[in-house]
């Protein structure tokens, strides 16, 4: 058995996975709050719970972490997990469990899961774009997960697409995730409502300030015209970043996951509609396939477990 973790700013999700079939056998979850030793204790407890309940042993552990994680298992930086900065999480957990531990960025882990078991199957070159509170990305090139020199590859959500744009919470001006994340969709809905162009969202949320991406998606599903206009503009921003990835990586496919993937094929279709206009030489390129991810919110933990298989 392998245990895969997805460690976010609020929760640590654990999956117990059969290493031969890649089947999820059991699940567990706990808060990820606390300083580094507390987080390690939490992860150990979750492993113990899974092992005890299923009367089994674990051969390796994979950690998908929301932040910059080195190939050697050190979490260098995580805006969501400030208490484990510059901490050797992989080494400490591996020493306590006496098993190999693989550590990767959570979006890179999700990318690998989609490559092996999801919408990336059959494509040796594809990009994963996770649209949630921010944007997480990952890349497979020639059938291999791109990790970079340090293990930090895949932070395309922070690439600047509007150098004169507003300051993001990171301090950058105009990064992609300011315009194309789930948070951005909510903000764009609020802006339209404040301008008198999105009454349906106000009715759903109760006030302009309460509008989130969820309310935009609900109004869109109900066929509201204002929601369709907000969503089309949002899809253009998503496509701006995706077109950049196409010009850098020349992928066969882009897989869209994350929290906004619940919108479904309207999101893939909306992004695909903008791609010819935004991609240089599009008339002379084979079209890049835009697909929705298949593995949902377990992709990060599942991918971490698959990466841990290489350590066994």
Protein backbone atom coordinates (compact mmCIF):
# COMPACT_ATOMS: atom_id res chain seq x y z
CA UNK A 1 0.00 0.00 0.00
CA UNK A 2 0.95 3.64 -0.59
CA UNK A 3 -0.40 6.69 1.24
CA UNK A 4 -0.82 9.90 -0.73
CA UNK A 5 -1.35 13.26 0.95
CA UNK A 6 -2.68 16.55 -0.34
CA UNK A 7 -1.66 19.17 2.22
CA UNK A 8 -3.44 22.48 1.86
CA UNK A 9 -3.78 25.54 4.04
CA UNK A 10 -6.80 24.14 5.89
CA UNK A 11 -6.76 20.35 5.66
CA UNK A 12 -4.49 17.39 5.02
CA UNK A 13 -6.24 14.77 2.89
CA UNK A 14 -4.87 11.21 2.94
CA UNK A 15 -5.62 8.33 0.58
CA UNK A 16 -4.61 4.71 1.10
CA UNK A 17 -3.92 3.28 -2.35
CA UNK A 18 -3.23 -0.22 -3.62
CA UNK A 19 0.06 0.16 -5.44
CA UNK A 20 -0.69 -2.50 -8.06
CA UNK A 21 -4.20 -1.40 -9.07
CA UNK A 22 -4.03 2.30 -8.05
CA UNK A 23 -7.38 1.80 -6.33
CA UNK A 24 -8.28 4.05 -3.41
CA UNK A 25 -8.85 1.72 -0.45
CA UNK A 26 -9.58 4.26 2.30
CA UNK A 27 -9.57 7.97 3.07
CA UNK A 28 -8.79 10.17 6.05
CA UNK A 29 -8.59 13.90 6.72
CA UNK A 30 -7.41 16.25 9.47
CA UNK A 31 -6.54 19.89 10.02
CA UNK A 32 -3.18 20.99 8.60
CA UNK A 33 -2.84 23.80 11.14
CA UNK A 34 0.12 24.12 13.49
CA UNK A 35 3.87 24.43 13.46
CA UNK A 36 5.98 21.93 11.57
CA UNK A 37 6.27 19.24 14.29
CA UNK A 38 2.51 19.38 14.79
CA UNK A 39 1.93 18.90 11.07
CA UNK A 40 4.26 15.89 11.08
CA UNK A 41 2.36 14.42 14.04
CA UNK A 42 -0.90 14.94 12.19
CA UNK A 43 0.38 13.13 9.12
CA UNK A 44 1.70 10.27 11.23
CA UNK A 45 -1.65 9.93 12.95
CA UNK A 46 -3.48 9.79 9.63
CA UNK A 47 -1.12 7.07 8.34
CA UNK A 48 -1.61 5.11 11.55
CA UNK A 49 -5.39 5.43 11.30
CA UNK A 50 -5.40 4.11 7.73
CA UNK A 51 -3.01 1.27 8.51
CA UNK A 52 -4.90 0.21 11.63
CA UNK A 53 -8.34 0.32 10.04
CA UNK A 54 -7.22 -1.73 7.07
CA UNK A 55 -4.83 -4.08 8.87
CA UNK A 56 -2.04 -3.42 6.39
CA UNK A 57 1.39 -1.83 6.06
CA UNK A 58 2.65 1.09 3.98
CA UNK A 59 5.60 0.89 1.58
CA UNK A 60 5.92 4.59 0.73
CA UNK A 61 4.26 7.97 1.24
CA UNK A 62 3.73 10.81 -1.20
CA UNK A 63 3.15 14.42 -0.17
CA UNK A 64 1.53 17.00 -2.41
CA UNK A 65 2.12 20.40 -0.78
CA UNK A 66 0.64 23.77 -1.69
CA UNK A 67 3.95 25.57 -2.12
CA UNK A 68 7.55 25.32 -3.30
CA UNK A 69 8.89 21.88 -2.41
CA UNK A 70 12.37 20.70 -3.42
CA UNK A 71 13.18 17.34 -4.88
CA UNK A 72 14.81 16.52 -1.56
CA UNK A 73 11.56 17.05 0.34
CA UNK A 74 12.16 20.49 1.83
CA UNK A 75 9.18 22.83 1.84
CA UNK A 76 10.89 26.10 1.00
CA UNK A 77 7.86 28.37 0.84
CA UNK A 78 4.11 28.03 1.15
CA UNK A 79 1.77 31.01 1.50
CA UNK A 80 -0.88 28.63 2.84
CA UNK A 81 1.41 26.84 5.30
CA UNK A 82 3.61 29.56 6.80
CA UNK A 83 4.65 27.40 9.77
CA UNK A 84 6.57 24.87 7.67
CA UNK A 85 8.83 27.32 5.81
CA UNK A 86 12.28 25.89 5.01
CA UNK A 87 11.30 22.64 6.71
CA UNK A 88 12.48 19.13 5.66
CA UNK A 89 8.99 17.67 5.79
CA UNK A 90 9.83 14.67 3.63
CA UNK A 91 12.91 13.70 5.65
CA UNK A 92 11.17 14.06 9.02
CA UNK A 93 8.14 12.02 7.97
CA UNK A 94 10.29 9.38 6.29
CA UNK A 95 12.46 8.99 9.40
CA UNK A 96 9.40 8.56 11.62
CA UNK A 97 7.78 5.98 9.33
CA UNK A 98 10.98 4.35 8.05
CA UNK A 99 9.65 4.36 4.47
CA UNK A 100 10.54 6.42 1.37
CA UNK A 101 8.72 9.74 1.05
CA UNK A 102 8.23 11.69 -2.20
CA UNK A 103 7.38 15.40 -1.99
CA UNK A 104 6.01 17.60 -4.78
CA UNK A 105 3.92 20.67 -5.36
CA UNK A 106 0.22 19.78 -5.12
CA UNK A 107 -0.57 20.91 -8.68
CA UNK A 108 2.37 18.90 -10.05
CA UNK A 109 1.07 15.89 -8.16
CA UNK A 110 -2.42 16.41 -9.61
CA UNK A 111 -0.85 16.68 -13.06
CA UNK A 112 0.80 13.31 -12.66
CA UNK A 113 -2.46 11.72 -11.51
CA UNK A 114 -4.26 13.05 -14.58
CA UNK A 115 -1.36 11.84 -16.75
CA UNK A 116 -1.58 8.29 -15.44
CA UNK A 117 -5.26 7.85 -14.62
CA UNK A 118 -7.23 10.84 -15.90
CA UNK A 119 -7.65 13.23 -18.80
CA UNK A 120 -3.95 13.29 -19.64
CA UNK A 121 -3.86 9.65 -20.70
CA UNK A 122 -2.70 9.20 -24.26
CA UNK A 123 -0.96 12.59 -24.42
CA UNK A 124 2.81 12.65 -23.96
CA UNK A 125 2.72 16.45 -23.89
CA UNK A 126 0.03 18.28 -21.94
CA UNK A 127 -0.50 21.06 -19.43
CA UNK A 128 -2.67 20.86 -16.34
CA UNK A 129 -4.36 24.08 -15.21
CA UNK A 130 -6.04 23.96 -11.80
CA UNK A 131 -8.46 26.86 -11.32
CA UNK A 132 -9.33 27.38 -7.66
CA UNK A 133 -8.65 30.13 -5.16
CA UNK A 134 -5.49 30.64 -7.21
CA UNK A 135 -4.10 28.85 -10.27
CA UNK A 136 -1.90 25.79 -9.99
CA UNK A 137 -0.27 24.30 -13.06
CA UNK A 138 1.81 21.30 -14.03
CA UNK A 139 3.39 20.07 -17.24
CA UNK A 140 4.12 16.71 -18.81
CA UNK A 141 6.68 16.80 -21.64
CA UNK A 142 7.69 13.68 -23.56
CA UNK A 143 5.76 11.63 -21.01
CA UNK A 144 7.70 12.99 -18.04
CA UNK A 145 6.55 15.32 -15.30
CA UNK A 146 8.44 18.62 -15.50
CA UNK A 147 9.86 19.49 -12.08
CA UNK A 148 12.68 21.91 -12.90
CA UNK A 149 16.12 22.31 -11.36
CA UNK A 150 14.83 22.71 -7.81
CA UNK A 151 11.43 21.05 -8.08
CA UNK A 152 9.66 24.41 -8.41
CA UNK A 153 8.34 24.15 -11.98
CA UNK A 154 4.64 24.72 -12.50
CA UNK A 155 3.99 28.16 -10.99
CA UNK A 156 2.41 29.58 -14.13
CA UNK A 157 -0.42 31.13 -12.12
CA UNK A 158 2.12 33.77 -11.06
CA UNK A 159 3.33 34.64 -14.55
CA UNK A 160 2.52 38.28 -15.31
CA UNK A 161 0.08 38.82 -18.16
CA UNK A 162 -0.70 42.49 -17.48
CA UNK A 163 2.36 44.33 -16.21
CA UNK A 164 0.32 47.45 -15.42
CA UNK A 165 -2.42 45.46 -13.71
CA UNK A 166 -3.52 45.75 -10.09
CA UNK A 167 -1.37 44.37 -7.29
CA UNK A 168 -2.17 40.79 -6.34
CA UNK A 169 -1.90 39.51 -2.76
CA UNK A 170 1.60 38.28 -3.66
CA UNK A 171 2.63 41.87 -4.41
CA UNK A 172 2.97 41.16 -8.13
CA UNK A 173 1.10 43.34 -10.58
CA UNK A 174 -1.11 41.56 -13.08
CA UNK A 175 -0.35 37.86 -12.59
CA UNK A 176 -2.52 35.34 -14.42
CA UNK A 177 -4.31 34.14 -11.30
CA UNK A 178 -5.49 37.69 -10.53
CA UNK A 179 -7.61 37.50 -13.69
CA UNK A 180 -8.38 33.82 -14.21
CA UNK A 181 -8.77 32.06 -10.83
CA UNK A 182 -11.97 31.22 -8.98
CA UNK A 183 -11.36 34.28 -6.84
CA UNK A 184 -11.15 36.36 -10.02
CA UNK A 185 -14.46 35.02 -11.30
CA UNK A 186 -16.13 36.11 -8.06
CA UNK A 187 -14.56 39.57 -8.27
CA UNK A 188 -15.63 39.99 -11.87
CA UNK A 189 -19.17 38.99 -10.89
CA UNK A 190 -19.17 41.61 -8.12
CA UNK A 191 -17.90 44.27 -10.49
CA UNK A 192 -20.65 43.52 -13.00
CA UNK A 193 -23.30 43.52 -10.26
CA UNK A 194 -22.06 46.82 -8.82
CA UNK A 195 -22.39 48.33 -12.29
CA UNK A 196 -26.00 47.14 -12.55
CA UNK A 197 -25.23 44.38 -15.04
CA UNK A 198 -25.74 41.24 -12.96
CA UNK A 199 -28.96 41.31 -10.92
CA UNK A 200 -29.25 37.53 -10.88
CA UNK A 201 -26.04 37.20 -8.88
CA UNK A 202 -27.28 39.70 -6.29
CA UNK A 203 -30.49 37.71 -5.95
CA UNK A 204 -28.51 34.50 -5.40
CA UNK A 205 -25.91 35.93 -3.01
CA UNK A 206 -28.05 38.44 -1.11
CA UNK A 207 -25.74 41.39 -1.77
CA UNK A 208 -23.06 42.54 -4.17
CA UNK A 209 -20.27 41.97 -1.65
CA UNK A 210 -21.36 38.36 -1.06
CA UNK A 211 -21.05 37.30 -4.71
CA UNK A 212 -18.49 34.56 -5.37
CA UNK A 213 -17.57 32.43 -8.34
CA UNK A 214 -20.13 29.90 -7.10
CA UNK A 215 -22.96 32.41 -7.64
CA UNK A 216 -21.68 33.26 -11.12
CA UNK A 217 -21.64 29.55 -11.96
CA UNK A 218 -25.16 29.05 -10.62
CA UNK A 219 -26.50 31.96 -12.64
CA UNK A 220 -24.70 30.64 -15.71
CA UNK A 221 -26.26 27.20 -15.26
CA UNK A 222 -29.69 28.85 -14.98
CA UNK A 223 -29.18 30.49 -18.38
CA UNK A 224 -28.77 34.09 -17.21
CA UNK A 225 -27.51 36.35 -20.01
CA UNK A 226 -25.50 38.59 -17.68
CA UNK A 227 -23.76 35.55 -16.25
CA UNK A 228 -22.92 34.40 -19.77
CA UNK A 229 -21.24 37.74 -20.52
CA UNK A 230 -19.23 37.71 -17.28
CA UNK A 231 -18.22 34.12 -17.92
CA UNK A 232 -17.17 34.73 -21.53
CA UNK A 233 -14.87 37.55 -20.42
CA UNK A 234 -13.47 35.32 -17.68
CA UNK A 235 -12.81 32.50 -20.15
CA UNK A 236 -10.81 34.93 -22.26
CA UNK A 237 -8.46 35.58 -19.32
CA UNK A 238 -8.07 31.84 -18.78
CA UNK A 239 -7.30 31.45 -22.47
CA UNK A 240 -4.66 34.22 -22.37
CA UNK A 241 -2.57 32.14 -19.97
CA UNK A 242 -3.31 28.90 -21.78
CA UNK A 243 -2.19 30.44 -25.08
CA UNK A 244 1.09 31.41 -23.43
CA UNK A 245 1.56 27.82 -22.31
CA UNK A 246 0.84 26.60 -25.83
CA UNK A 247 3.48 28.90 -27.29
CA UNK A 248 6.06 27.80 -24.71
CA UNK A 249 5.34 24.06 -24.50
CA UNK A 250 3.44 23.13 -27.70
CA UNK A 251 1.21 20.64 -25.83
CA UNK A 252 -1.34 18.39 -27.49
CA UNK A 253 -3.81 18.98 -24.70
CA UNK A 254 -4.68 21.29 -21.82
CA UNK A 255 -6.51 19.71 -18.88
CA UNK A 256 -8.54 22.05 -16.67
CA UNK A 257 -9.10 21.02 -13.07
CA UNK A 258 -9.45 22.66 -9.67
CA UNK A 259 -12.55 23.90 -7.92
CA UNK A 260 -13.96 25.62 -11.01
CA UNK A 261 -13.93 22.35 -12.93
CA UNK A 262 -17.37 21.78 -11.43
CA UNK A 263 -18.69 24.20 -14.04
CA UNK A 264 -18.06 21.42 -16.52
CA UNK A 265 -17.69 21.51 -20.27
CA UNK A 266 -18.93 25.09 -20.54
CA UNK A 267 -15.54 26.07 -19.12
CA UNK A 268 -13.54 23.97 -21.57
CA UNK A 269 -15.67 25.18 -24.48
CA UNK A 270 -15.42 28.80 -23.35
CA UNK A 271 -11.62 28.66 -23.18
CA UNK A 272 -11.33 26.77 -26.47
CA UNK A 273 -13.39 29.45 -28.23
CA UNK A 274 -10.77 32.10 -27.45
CA UNK A 275 -7.66 30.07 -28.20
CA UNK A 276 -7.44 30.65 -32.00
CA UNK A 277 -7.55 34.43 -31.49
CA UNK A 278 -4.90 34.44 -28.76
CA UNK A 279 -2.42 31.85 -30.03
CA UNK A 280 0.24 33.02 -32.49
CA UNK A 281 0.00 31.21 -35.82
CA UNK A 282 -3.16 29.39 -34.78
CA UNK A 283 -4.26 28.90 -38.39
CA UNK A 284 -1.09 26.90 -38.99
CA UNK A 285 -1.13 24.87 -35.77
CA UNK A 286 -3.11 21.73 -35.04
CA UNK A 287 -5.78 22.75 -32.50
CA UNK A 288 -4.90 22.12 -28.87
CA UNK A 289 -7.50 19.96 -27.19
CA UNK A 290 -9.07 21.48 -24.06
CA UNK A 291 -10.40 18.84 -21.65
CA UNK A 292 -11.84 18.87 -18.17
CA UNK A 293 -9.96 16.90 -15.50
CA UNK A 294 -11.43 13.56 -14.46
CA UNK A 295 -10.11 12.96 -10.95
CA UNK A 296 -11.67 15.81 -8.98
CA UNK A 297 -10.34 17.02 -5.65
CA UNK A 298 -8.48 13.77 -4.92
CA UNK A 299 -6.05 14.26 -7.80
CA UNK A 300 -3.33 15.86 -5.66
CA UNK A 301 -3.22 13.05 -3.10
CA UNK A 302 -3.54 10.39 -5.77
CA UNK A 303 -0.72 11.90 -7.80
CA UNK A 304 1.50 12.16 -4.73
CA UNK A 305 0.98 8.45 -4.14
CA UNK A 306 1.88 7.67 -7.76
CA UNK A 307 5.08 9.70 -7.41
CA UNK A 308 5.89 7.74 -4.25
CA UNK A 309 5.73 4.52 -6.27
CA UNK A 310 8.96 5.59 -7.95
CA UNK A 311 10.61 5.58 -4.52
CA UNK A 312 9.69 1.95 -3.73
